[in-house]
């Protein structure tokens, strides 16, 4: 939840201390990112409620790492990767594909960026949210969503050929998942 909410890199989450999260309004996390830059990300009330359940938060020691392993050592980015991998095994495609990959912590970063774009959030706000130094990096997400939408439109274009012999392939109209996705655009 914290990865998705903040769009943080795994290392930024691993570096968080209890004192870096404000669990009373204004709800936010202070993230130490690339280039020794700090940024603040808003936290959802649902995220805060989950964080309040952590032993480290209940200890009230602001200097403790926010996330720890079972051995009570600070969680590393590799530990975060393993946790994400373990809990997302069921999200993999049931049919093996040559290039199918497991879900990584970075997938949450991409997901929140795309969601914010789809909701109409200004790309500059997203840049700040993700801690991108350059707006061009954030624009990659916008290009991706535009490319996906253009591909969907291309598959649904009306036929150019109007001859009697032309029979349009309308199988795509029967694909419920595709139709739901197109309606959501």
N, C-alpha and C. Protein backbone atom coordinates (compact mmCIF):
# COMPACT_ATOMS: atom_id res chain seq x y z
N UNK A 1 0.84 -1.19 0.00
CA UNK A 1 0.00 0.00 0.00
C UNK A 1 0.88 1.25 0.00
N UNK A 2 1.94 1.23 0.79
CA UNK A 2 2.84 2.38 0.88
C UNK A 2 3.57 2.61 -0.45
N UNK A 3 3.98 1.53 -1.11
CA UNK A 3 4.63 1.66 -2.42
C UNK A 3 3.70 2.33 -3.43
N UNK A 4 2.46 1.87 -3.49
CA UNK A 4 1.49 2.41 -4.44
C UNK A 4 1.09 3.84 -4.08
N UNK A 5 0.81 4.07 -2.82
CA UNK A 5 0.37 5.39 -2.35
C UNK A 5 1.40 6.47 -2.67
N UNK A 6 2.66 6.19 -2.41
CA UNK A 6 3.70 7.20 -2.57
C UNK A 6 4.36 7.19 -3.94
N UNK A 7 4.29 6.06 -4.64
CA UNK A 7 5.02 5.93 -5.90
C UNK A 7 6.52 5.91 -5.66
N UNK A 8 6.93 5.55 -4.47
CA UNK A 8 8.33 5.59 -4.09
C UNK A 8 9.11 4.42 -4.68
N UNK A 9 10.38 4.64 -4.83
CA UNK A 9 11.30 3.56 -5.21
C UNK A 9 11.48 2.66 -3.99
N UNK A 10 11.83 1.40 -4.21
CA UNK A 10 12.00 0.45 -3.10
C UNK A 10 13.04 0.97 -2.11
N UNK A 11 14.12 1.55 -2.60
CA UNK A 11 15.16 2.06 -1.70
C UNK A 11 14.64 3.21 -0.85
N UNK A 12 13.78 4.05 -1.42
CA UNK A 12 13.21 5.16 -0.65
C UNK A 12 12.33 4.65 0.48
N UNK A 13 11.61 3.57 0.24
CA UNK A 13 10.77 2.97 1.29
C UNK A 13 11.67 2.32 2.34
N UNK A 14 12.72 1.63 1.90
CA UNK A 14 13.64 0.97 2.84
C UNK A 14 14.32 1.99 3.75
N UNK A 15 14.57 3.20 3.26
CA UNK A 15 15.26 4.23 4.03
C UNK A 15 14.36 4.98 5.01
N UNK A 16 13.04 4.79 4.92
CA UNK A 16 12.12 5.53 5.78
C UNK A 16 12.33 5.21 7.26
N UNK A 17 12.27 6.24 8.07
CA UNK A 17 12.29 6.12 9.53
C UNK A 17 10.88 6.45 10.03
N UNK A 18 10.58 6.04 11.22
CA UNK A 18 9.26 6.31 11.81
C UNK A 18 8.98 7.82 11.78
N UNK A 19 9.99 8.63 12.05
CA UNK A 19 9.82 10.08 12.06
C UNK A 19 9.60 10.70 10.70
N UNK A 20 9.77 9.91 9.63
CA UNK A 20 9.57 10.42 8.27
C UNK A 20 8.12 10.36 7.82
N UNK A 21 7.26 9.76 8.62
CA UNK A 21 5.85 9.69 8.25
C UNK A 21 5.01 10.44 9.28
N UNK A 22 4.14 11.28 8.79
CA UNK A 22 3.21 12.01 9.65
C UNK A 22 1.89 11.27 9.63
N UNK A 23 1.55 10.68 10.77
CA UNK A 23 0.35 9.87 10.87
C UNK A 23 -0.83 10.64 11.44
N UNK A 24 -0.63 11.91 11.65
CA UNK A 24 -1.70 12.84 12.02
C UNK A 24 -1.72 13.91 10.94
N UNK A 25 -2.87 14.52 10.68
CA UNK A 25 -2.93 15.51 9.59
C UNK A 25 -1.89 16.62 9.75
N UNK A 26 -1.28 17.03 8.66
CA UNK A 26 -1.42 16.51 7.30
C UNK A 26 -0.69 15.18 7.15
N UNK A 27 -1.39 14.19 6.61
CA UNK A 27 -0.84 12.84 6.43
C UNK A 27 0.15 12.87 5.27
N UNK A 28 1.41 12.49 5.55
CA UNK A 28 2.42 12.54 4.49
C UNK A 28 3.65 11.73 4.89
N UNK A 29 4.45 11.45 3.86
CA UNK A 29 5.73 10.78 4.05
C UNK A 29 6.81 11.66 3.42
N UNK A 30 7.94 11.76 4.11
CA UNK A 30 9.09 12.49 3.57
C UNK A 30 10.06 11.45 3.04
N UNK A 31 10.28 11.50 1.73
CA UNK A 31 11.10 10.50 1.05
C UNK A 31 12.43 11.10 0.63
N UNK A 32 13.48 10.34 0.87
CA UNK A 32 14.82 10.76 0.47
C UNK A 32 15.15 10.04 -0.82
N UNK A 33 15.16 10.79 -1.94
CA UNK A 33 15.31 10.17 -3.25
C UNK A 33 16.67 10.32 -3.87
N UNK A 34 16.69 10.05 -5.16
CA UNK A 34 17.92 10.16 -5.94
C UNK A 34 18.44 11.58 -5.89
N UNK A 35 19.75 11.72 -6.01
CA UNK A 35 20.35 13.05 -6.03
C UNK A 35 20.27 13.75 -4.69
N UNK A 36 20.13 12.98 -3.60
CA UNK A 36 20.04 13.54 -2.24
C UNK A 36 18.91 14.56 -2.11
N UNK A 37 17.81 14.31 -2.84
CA UNK A 37 16.66 15.23 -2.80
C UNK A 37 15.56 14.64 -1.92
N UNK A 38 14.92 15.51 -1.16
CA UNK A 38 13.79 15.13 -0.32
C UNK A 38 12.51 15.60 -0.97
N UNK A 39 11.45 14.82 -0.81
CA UNK A 39 10.13 15.23 -1.28
C UNK A 39 9.07 14.72 -0.31
N UNK A 40 7.94 15.36 -0.35
CA UNK A 40 6.81 14.96 0.51
C UNK A 40 5.71 14.40 -0.37
N UNK A 41 5.16 13.28 0.07
CA UNK A 41 4.04 12.66 -0.63
C UNK A 41 2.87 12.54 0.33
N UNK A 42 1.69 12.85 -0.15
CA UNK A 42 0.51 12.68 0.71
C UNK A 42 0.26 11.20 0.98
N UNK A 43 -0.29 10.92 2.14
CA UNK A 43 -0.67 9.54 2.48
C UNK A 43 -2.18 9.46 2.60
N UNK A 44 -2.74 8.38 2.11
CA UNK A 44 -4.16 8.15 2.24
C UNK A 44 -4.47 7.69 3.66
N UNK A 45 -5.64 7.99 4.16
CA UNK A 45 -6.02 7.52 5.51
C UNK A 45 -5.89 6.01 5.65
N UNK A 46 -6.19 5.25 4.59
CA UNK A 46 -6.09 3.79 4.63
C UNK A 46 -4.63 3.36 4.85
N UNK A 47 -3.72 4.06 4.20
CA UNK A 47 -2.30 3.75 4.35
C UNK A 47 -1.85 4.04 5.78
N UNK A 48 -2.29 5.17 6.31
CA UNK A 48 -1.92 5.56 7.67
C UNK A 48 -2.44 4.54 8.68
N UNK A 49 -3.66 4.07 8.49
CA UNK A 49 -4.21 3.07 9.42
C UNK A 49 -3.37 1.79 9.41
N UNK A 50 -2.90 1.40 8.25
CA UNK A 50 -2.03 0.21 8.17
C UNK A 50 -0.68 0.48 8.83
N UNK A 51 -0.12 1.66 8.62
CA UNK A 51 1.17 2.01 9.23
C UNK A 51 1.09 2.05 10.75
N UNK A 52 -0.04 2.49 11.27
CA UNK A 52 -0.21 2.57 12.72
C UNK A 52 -0.18 1.19 13.37
N UNK A 53 -0.39 0.15 12.60
CA UNK A 53 -0.36 -1.21 13.14
C UNK A 53 1.06 -1.77 13.27
N UNK A 54 2.03 -1.09 12.67
CA UNK A 54 3.41 -1.57 12.72
C UNK A 54 3.99 -1.43 14.12
N UNK A 55 4.73 -2.44 14.53
CA UNK A 55 5.38 -2.43 15.84
C UNK A 55 6.32 -1.23 15.96
N UNK A 56 7.03 -0.92 14.88
CA UNK A 56 7.98 0.19 14.90
C UNK A 56 7.28 1.52 15.16
N UNK A 57 6.11 1.69 14.60
CA UNK A 57 5.35 2.93 14.80
C UNK A 57 4.81 2.98 16.22
N UNK A 58 4.32 1.86 16.71
CA UNK A 58 3.77 1.82 18.08
C UNK A 58 4.84 2.06 19.12
N UNK A 59 6.11 1.80 18.79
CA UNK A 59 7.19 2.02 19.75
C UNK A 59 7.44 3.52 20.00
N UNK A 60 7.01 4.35 19.07
CA UNK A 60 7.15 5.81 19.16
C UNK A 60 8.58 6.31 19.09
N UNK A 61 9.52 5.45 18.74
CA UNK A 61 10.91 5.87 18.55
C UNK A 61 11.05 6.37 17.12
N UNK A 62 11.13 7.68 16.95
CA UNK A 62 11.16 8.32 15.63
C UNK A 62 12.39 7.97 14.81
N UNK A 63 13.45 7.46 15.44
CA UNK A 63 14.69 7.17 14.72
C UNK A 63 14.72 5.74 14.18
N UNK A 64 13.78 4.90 14.60
CA UNK A 64 13.76 3.50 14.14
C UNK A 64 13.37 3.42 12.67
N UNK A 65 13.88 2.41 11.98
CA UNK A 65 13.42 2.17 10.60
C UNK A 65 11.92 1.89 10.63
N UNK A 66 11.20 2.40 9.65
CA UNK A 66 9.76 2.18 9.60
C UNK A 66 9.44 0.71 9.36
N UNK A 67 10.14 0.10 8.42
CA UNK A 67 9.88 -1.29 8.07
C UNK A 67 11.07 -2.16 8.48
N UNK A 68 10.76 -3.24 9.17
CA UNK A 68 11.82 -4.15 9.62
C UNK A 68 11.47 -5.58 9.23
N UNK A 69 12.49 -6.41 9.22
CA UNK A 69 12.31 -7.84 8.91
C UNK A 69 11.81 -8.56 10.16
N UNK A 70 11.60 -9.84 10.03
CA UNK A 70 11.17 -10.64 11.18
C UNK A 70 12.22 -10.63 12.28
N UNK A 71 13.48 -10.45 11.87
CA UNK A 71 14.57 -10.40 12.84
C UNK A 71 14.75 -9.00 13.42
N UNK A 72 13.82 -8.11 13.09
CA UNK A 72 13.81 -6.71 13.56
C UNK A 72 14.99 -5.90 13.04
N UNK A 73 15.52 -6.32 11.90
CA UNK A 73 16.55 -5.53 11.22
C UNK A 73 15.88 -4.68 10.16
N UNK A 74 16.48 -3.54 9.81
CA UNK A 74 15.88 -2.70 8.77
C UNK A 74 15.66 -3.48 7.48
N UNK A 75 14.49 -3.31 6.91
CA UNK A 75 14.18 -3.98 5.65
C UNK A 75 14.99 -3.32 4.53
N UNK A 76 15.55 -4.12 3.64
CA UNK A 76 16.32 -3.60 2.51
C UNK A 76 15.43 -3.57 1.27
N UNK A 77 15.94 -2.96 0.22
CA UNK A 77 15.16 -2.94 -1.02
C UNK A 77 15.00 -4.36 -1.57
N UNK A 78 15.99 -5.22 -1.31
CA UNK A 78 15.88 -6.61 -1.74
C UNK A 78 14.81 -7.34 -0.93
N UNK A 79 14.71 -7.02 0.35
CA UNK A 79 13.66 -7.61 1.18
C UNK A 79 12.28 -7.16 0.71
N UNK A 80 12.17 -5.89 0.33
CA UNK A 80 10.90 -5.37 -0.19
C UNK A 80 10.55 -6.10 -1.48
N UNK A 81 11.55 -6.29 -2.34
CA UNK A 81 11.32 -7.01 -3.60
C UNK A 81 10.79 -8.42 -3.32
N UNK A 82 11.41 -9.12 -2.36
CA UNK A 82 10.98 -10.49 -2.04
C UNK A 82 9.56 -10.52 -1.51
N UNK A 83 9.20 -9.55 -0.68
CA UNK A 83 7.84 -9.49 -0.13
C UNK A 83 6.83 -9.26 -1.25
N UNK A 84 7.13 -8.32 -2.13
CA UNK A 84 6.22 -8.04 -3.25
C UNK A 84 6.09 -9.28 -4.12
N UNK A 85 7.19 -9.91 -4.41
CA UNK A 85 7.16 -11.11 -5.25
C UNK A 85 6.32 -12.21 -4.62
N UNK A 86 6.51 -12.42 -3.32
CA UNK A 86 5.77 -13.47 -2.60
C UNK A 86 4.26 -13.21 -2.61
N UNK A 87 3.88 -11.95 -2.45
CA UNK A 87 2.45 -11.63 -2.34
C UNK A 87 1.77 -11.38 -3.67
N UNK A 88 2.51 -11.40 -4.76
CA UNK A 88 1.89 -11.16 -6.07
C UNK A 88 2.02 -12.36 -7.00
N UNK A 89 2.41 -13.50 -6.47
CA UNK A 89 2.54 -14.70 -7.29
C UNK A 89 1.22 -15.00 -8.00
N UNK A 90 0.11 -14.83 -7.35
CA UNK A 90 -1.19 -15.11 -7.94
C UNK A 90 -1.60 -14.15 -9.04
N UNK A 91 -0.89 -13.06 -9.20
CA UNK A 91 -1.23 -12.08 -10.23
C UNK A 91 -0.57 -12.37 -11.57
N UNK A 92 0.28 -13.37 -11.62
CA UNK A 92 0.95 -13.71 -12.88
C UNK A 92 -0.04 -14.41 -13.80
N UNK A 93 0.17 -14.29 -15.12
CA UNK A 93 -0.72 -14.98 -16.07
C UNK A 93 -0.67 -16.49 -15.85
N UNK A 94 -1.81 -17.13 -16.01
CA UNK A 94 -1.87 -18.58 -15.79
C UNK A 94 -1.18 -19.33 -16.92
N UNK A 95 -1.16 -18.75 -18.12
CA UNK A 95 -0.45 -19.38 -19.22
C UNK A 95 0.92 -18.74 -19.34
N UNK A 96 1.97 -19.54 -19.30
CA UNK A 96 3.31 -18.96 -19.37
C UNK A 96 3.57 -18.28 -20.71
N UNK A 97 4.10 -17.10 -20.64
CA UNK A 97 4.46 -16.35 -21.85
C UNK A 97 5.98 -16.23 -21.86
N UNK A 98 6.56 -16.15 -23.04
CA UNK A 98 8.02 -16.10 -23.12
C UNK A 98 8.63 -14.96 -22.31
N UNK A 99 7.97 -13.82 -22.28
CA UNK A 99 8.57 -12.67 -21.60
C UNK A 99 7.78 -12.25 -20.37
N UNK A 100 6.97 -13.14 -19.80
CA UNK A 100 6.21 -12.74 -18.61
C UNK A 100 7.16 -12.59 -17.43
N UNK A 101 6.97 -11.51 -16.71
CA UNK A 101 7.82 -11.24 -15.56
C UNK A 101 6.96 -11.15 -14.31
N UNK A 102 7.61 -11.30 -13.18
CA UNK A 102 6.88 -11.17 -11.93
C UNK A 102 6.69 -9.68 -11.62
N UNK A 103 5.80 -9.41 -10.71
CA UNK A 103 5.54 -8.05 -10.28
C UNK A 103 6.69 -7.59 -9.39
N UNK A 104 7.18 -6.39 -9.65
CA UNK A 104 8.28 -5.84 -8.85
C UNK A 104 7.77 -4.61 -8.09
N UNK A 105 8.51 -4.13 -7.10
CA UNK A 105 8.11 -2.92 -6.40
C UNK A 105 7.95 -1.73 -7.36
N UNK A 106 8.73 -1.73 -8.43
CA UNK A 106 8.66 -0.61 -9.37
C UNK A 106 7.33 -0.59 -10.13
N UNK A 107 6.65 -1.73 -10.21
CA UNK A 107 5.35 -1.79 -10.87
C UNK A 107 4.34 -0.89 -10.15
N UNK A 108 4.47 -0.78 -8.84
CA UNK A 108 3.56 0.08 -8.08
C UNK A 108 3.81 1.55 -8.43
N UNK A 109 5.06 1.90 -8.65
CA UNK A 109 5.44 3.26 -9.04
C UNK A 109 4.82 3.60 -10.40
N UNK A 110 4.95 2.68 -11.35
CA UNK A 110 4.35 2.89 -12.66
C UNK A 110 2.83 2.96 -12.57
N UNK A 111 2.25 2.11 -11.75
CA UNK A 111 0.80 2.05 -11.63
C UNK A 111 0.22 3.35 -11.10
N UNK A 112 0.83 3.92 -10.06
CA UNK A 112 0.29 5.16 -9.52
C UNK A 112 0.49 6.31 -10.51
N UNK A 113 1.61 6.30 -11.23
CA UNK A 113 1.85 7.35 -12.23
C UNK A 113 0.78 7.30 -13.32
N UNK A 114 0.49 6.10 -13.82
CA UNK A 114 -0.54 5.96 -14.85
C UNK A 114 -1.91 6.32 -14.31
N UNK A 115 -2.20 5.91 -13.10
CA UNK A 115 -3.51 6.22 -12.50
C UNK A 115 -3.69 7.73 -12.35
N UNK A 116 -2.66 8.41 -11.88
CA UNK A 116 -2.74 9.87 -11.73
C UNK A 116 -2.94 10.54 -13.08
N UNK A 117 -2.24 10.07 -14.10
CA UNK A 117 -2.42 10.62 -15.46
C UNK A 117 -3.84 10.39 -15.95
N UNK A 118 -4.35 9.18 -15.76
CA UNK A 118 -5.70 8.86 -16.22
C UNK A 118 -6.75 9.68 -15.49
N UNK A 119 -6.46 10.07 -14.26
CA UNK A 119 -7.40 10.89 -13.49
C UNK A 119 -7.26 12.37 -13.81
N UNK A 120 -6.34 12.72 -14.71
CA UNK A 120 -6.21 14.11 -15.15
C UNK A 120 -5.30 14.96 -14.29
N UNK A 121 -4.48 14.36 -13.44
CA UNK A 121 -3.56 15.13 -12.61
C UNK A 121 -2.47 15.70 -13.51
N UNK A 122 -2.13 16.94 -13.30
CA UNK A 122 -1.11 17.62 -14.10
C UNK A 122 0.21 16.86 -14.04
N UNK A 123 0.86 16.74 -15.19
CA UNK A 123 2.10 15.98 -15.29
C UNK A 123 3.20 16.55 -14.40
N UNK A 124 3.19 17.85 -14.15
CA UNK A 124 4.19 18.46 -13.28
C UNK A 124 3.98 18.05 -11.82
N UNK A 125 2.73 17.89 -11.43
CA UNK A 125 2.42 17.41 -10.07
C UNK A 125 2.92 15.97 -9.93
N UNK A 126 2.71 15.16 -10.96
CA UNK A 126 3.16 13.77 -10.93
C UNK A 126 4.69 13.73 -10.88
N UNK A 127 5.34 14.62 -11.61
CA UNK A 127 6.81 14.71 -11.58
C UNK A 127 7.29 14.91 -10.14
N UNK A 128 6.67 15.85 -9.44
CA UNK A 128 7.04 16.09 -8.05
C UNK A 128 6.71 14.91 -7.15
N UNK A 129 5.57 14.28 -7.40
CA UNK A 129 5.14 13.13 -6.60
C UNK A 129 6.16 12.00 -6.71
N UNK A 130 6.64 11.75 -7.93
CA UNK A 130 7.58 10.65 -8.16
C UNK A 130 9.04 11.04 -7.91
N UNK A 131 9.29 12.33 -7.79
CA UNK A 131 10.66 12.77 -7.54
C UNK A 131 11.52 12.79 -8.78
N UNK A 132 10.90 12.95 -9.94
CA UNK A 132 11.68 13.03 -11.17
C UNK A 132 12.32 14.41 -11.26
N UNK A 133 13.61 14.44 -11.57
CA UNK A 133 14.31 15.71 -11.74
C UNK A 133 13.91 16.34 -13.06
N UNK A 134 13.63 15.52 -14.05
CA UNK A 134 13.36 15.99 -15.39
C UNK A 134 11.92 15.64 -15.78
N UNK A 135 11.21 16.61 -16.32
CA UNK A 135 9.83 16.39 -16.74
C UNK A 135 9.74 15.36 -17.88
N UNK A 136 10.78 15.24 -18.68
CA UNK A 136 10.78 14.27 -19.77
C UNK A 136 10.60 12.84 -19.26
N UNK A 137 11.16 12.56 -18.10
CA UNK A 137 11.02 11.22 -17.51
C UNK A 137 9.55 10.94 -17.22
N UNK A 138 8.85 11.92 -16.70
CA UNK A 138 7.43 11.75 -16.38
C UNK A 138 6.60 11.65 -17.66
N UNK A 139 7.00 12.35 -18.69
CA UNK A 139 6.26 12.33 -19.96
C UNK A 139 6.22 10.93 -20.58
N UNK A 140 7.16 10.07 -20.22
CA UNK A 140 7.13 8.69 -20.74
C UNK A 140 5.84 7.99 -20.36
N UNK A 141 5.34 8.26 -19.18
CA UNK A 141 4.09 7.65 -18.74
C UNK A 141 2.93 8.15 -19.60
N UNK A 142 2.94 9.45 -19.90
CA UNK A 142 1.87 10.03 -20.72
C UNK A 142 1.90 9.43 -22.12
N UNK A 143 3.09 9.24 -22.68
CA UNK A 143 3.20 8.64 -24.00
C UNK A 143 2.70 7.21 -23.99
N UNK A 144 2.96 6.49 -22.91
CA UNK A 144 2.51 5.11 -22.82
C UNK A 144 0.99 5.04 -22.83
N UNK A 145 0.33 5.87 -22.04
CA UNK A 145 -1.12 5.80 -21.99
C UNK A 145 -1.71 6.23 -23.33
N UNK A 146 -1.13 7.21 -23.97
CA UNK A 146 -1.60 7.65 -25.28
C UNK A 146 -1.42 6.54 -26.30
N UNK A 147 -0.28 5.84 -26.27
CA UNK A 147 0.00 4.76 -27.21
C UNK A 147 -1.01 3.62 -27.03
N UNK A 148 -1.33 3.29 -25.80
CA UNK A 148 -2.30 2.22 -25.53
C UNK A 148 -3.67 2.61 -26.07
N UNK A 149 -4.06 3.86 -25.85
CA UNK A 149 -5.37 4.32 -26.33
C UNK A 149 -5.42 4.34 -27.86
N UNK A 150 -4.33 4.77 -28.49
CA UNK A 150 -4.30 4.81 -29.95
C UNK A 150 -4.40 3.39 -30.53
N UNK A 151 -3.75 2.44 -29.90
CA UNK A 151 -3.81 1.05 -30.36
C UNK A 151 -5.24 0.53 -30.25
N UNK A 152 -5.92 0.89 -29.17
CA UNK A 152 -7.31 0.45 -29.00
C UNK A 152 -8.20 1.06 -30.07
N UNK A 153 -8.00 2.33 -30.36
CA UNK A 153 -8.80 3.00 -31.38
C UNK A 153 -8.53 2.37 -32.74
N UNK A 154 -7.27 2.05 -33.04
CA UNK A 154 -6.91 1.47 -34.33
C UNK A 154 -7.62 0.13 -34.56
N UNK A 155 -7.82 -0.64 -33.49
CA UNK A 155 -8.49 -1.94 -33.65
C UNK A 155 -9.99 -1.78 -33.86
N UNK A 156 -10.51 -0.61 -33.57
CA UNK A 156 -11.96 -0.40 -33.64
C UNK A 156 -12.39 0.52 -34.78
N UNK A 157 -11.47 0.88 -35.64
CA UNK A 157 -11.81 1.79 -36.73
C UNK A 157 -12.85 1.17 -37.64
N UNK A 158 -13.78 1.99 -38.16
CA UNK A 158 -14.77 1.44 -39.09
C UNK A 158 -14.09 1.04 -40.40
N UNK A 159 -14.67 0.12 -41.12
CA UNK A 159 -14.05 -0.34 -42.37
C UNK A 159 -14.04 0.76 -43.42
N UNK A 160 -12.97 0.76 -44.21
CA UNK A 160 -12.85 1.71 -45.32
C UNK A 160 -13.52 1.12 -46.55
N UNK A 161 -13.43 -0.19 -46.70
CA UNK A 161 -14.00 -0.89 -47.84
C UNK A 161 -15.49 -1.11 -47.59
N UNK A 162 -16.34 -0.60 -48.45
CA UNK A 162 -17.79 -0.74 -48.25
C UNK A 162 -18.41 -1.68 -49.27
N UNK A 163 -17.59 -2.46 -49.95
CA UNK A 163 -18.12 -3.37 -50.97
C UNK A 163 -18.93 -4.48 -50.33
N UNK A 164 -19.75 -5.11 -51.14
CA UNK A 164 -20.62 -6.19 -50.67
C UNK A 164 -19.80 -7.38 -50.16
N UNK A 165 -18.60 -7.59 -50.73
CA UNK A 165 -17.82 -8.76 -50.36
C UNK A 165 -17.11 -8.58 -49.04
N UNK A 166 -17.02 -7.37 -48.56
CA UNK A 166 -16.30 -7.11 -47.31
C UNK A 166 -17.18 -7.49 -46.12
N UNK A 167 -16.69 -8.33 -45.28
CA UNK A 167 -17.40 -8.71 -44.06
C UNK A 167 -16.53 -8.31 -42.88
N UNK A 168 -16.93 -7.26 -42.16
CA UNK A 168 -16.09 -6.80 -41.04
C UNK A 168 -16.01 -7.86 -39.94
N UNK A 169 -14.87 -7.92 -39.34
CA UNK A 169 -14.64 -8.85 -38.23
C UNK A 169 -15.08 -8.14 -36.95
N UNK A 170 -16.16 -8.57 -36.37
CA UNK A 170 -16.67 -7.90 -35.18
C UNK A 170 -16.48 -8.74 -33.92
N UNK A 171 -15.54 -9.70 -33.97
CA UNK A 171 -15.29 -10.52 -32.79
C UNK A 171 -14.87 -9.68 -31.60
N UNK A 172 -14.17 -8.59 -31.85
CA UNK A 172 -13.70 -7.75 -30.75
C UNK A 172 -14.86 -7.19 -29.94
N UNK A 173 -16.01 -7.01 -30.57
CA UNK A 173 -17.17 -6.47 -29.85
C UNK A 173 -17.68 -7.46 -28.79
N UNK A 174 -17.36 -8.73 -28.95
CA UNK A 174 -17.82 -9.75 -28.02
C UNK A 174 -16.84 -9.99 -26.88
N UNK A 175 -15.67 -9.36 -26.95
CA UNK A 175 -14.66 -9.50 -25.90
C UNK A 175 -15.03 -8.57 -24.74
N UNK A 176 -15.58 -9.15 -23.67
CA UNK A 176 -16.07 -8.35 -22.54
C UNK A 176 -14.99 -7.51 -21.89
N UNK A 177 -13.79 -8.10 -21.70
CA UNK A 177 -12.69 -7.35 -21.08
C UNK A 177 -12.30 -6.16 -21.92
N UNK A 178 -12.19 -6.35 -23.22
CA UNK A 178 -11.85 -5.24 -24.12
C UNK A 178 -12.91 -4.16 -24.08
N UNK A 179 -14.18 -4.56 -24.11
CA UNK A 179 -15.26 -3.58 -24.08
C UNK A 179 -15.28 -2.79 -22.78
N UNK A 180 -15.04 -3.45 -21.65
CA UNK A 180 -14.97 -2.74 -20.37
C UNK A 180 -13.84 -1.73 -20.39
N UNK A 181 -12.70 -2.18 -20.90
CA UNK A 181 -11.52 -1.29 -20.95
C UNK A 181 -11.79 -0.10 -21.86
N UNK A 182 -12.37 -0.34 -23.03
CA UNK A 182 -12.67 0.76 -23.94
C UNK A 182 -13.67 1.75 -23.33
N UNK A 183 -14.65 1.23 -22.63
CA UNK A 183 -15.63 2.11 -21.97
C UNK A 183 -15.00 2.94 -20.88
N UNK A 184 -13.91 2.44 -20.30
CA UNK A 184 -13.27 3.18 -19.22
C UNK A 184 -12.37 4.31 -19.72
N UNK A 185 -12.10 4.33 -21.03
CA UNK A 185 -11.21 5.38 -21.58
C UNK A 185 -11.85 6.75 -21.55
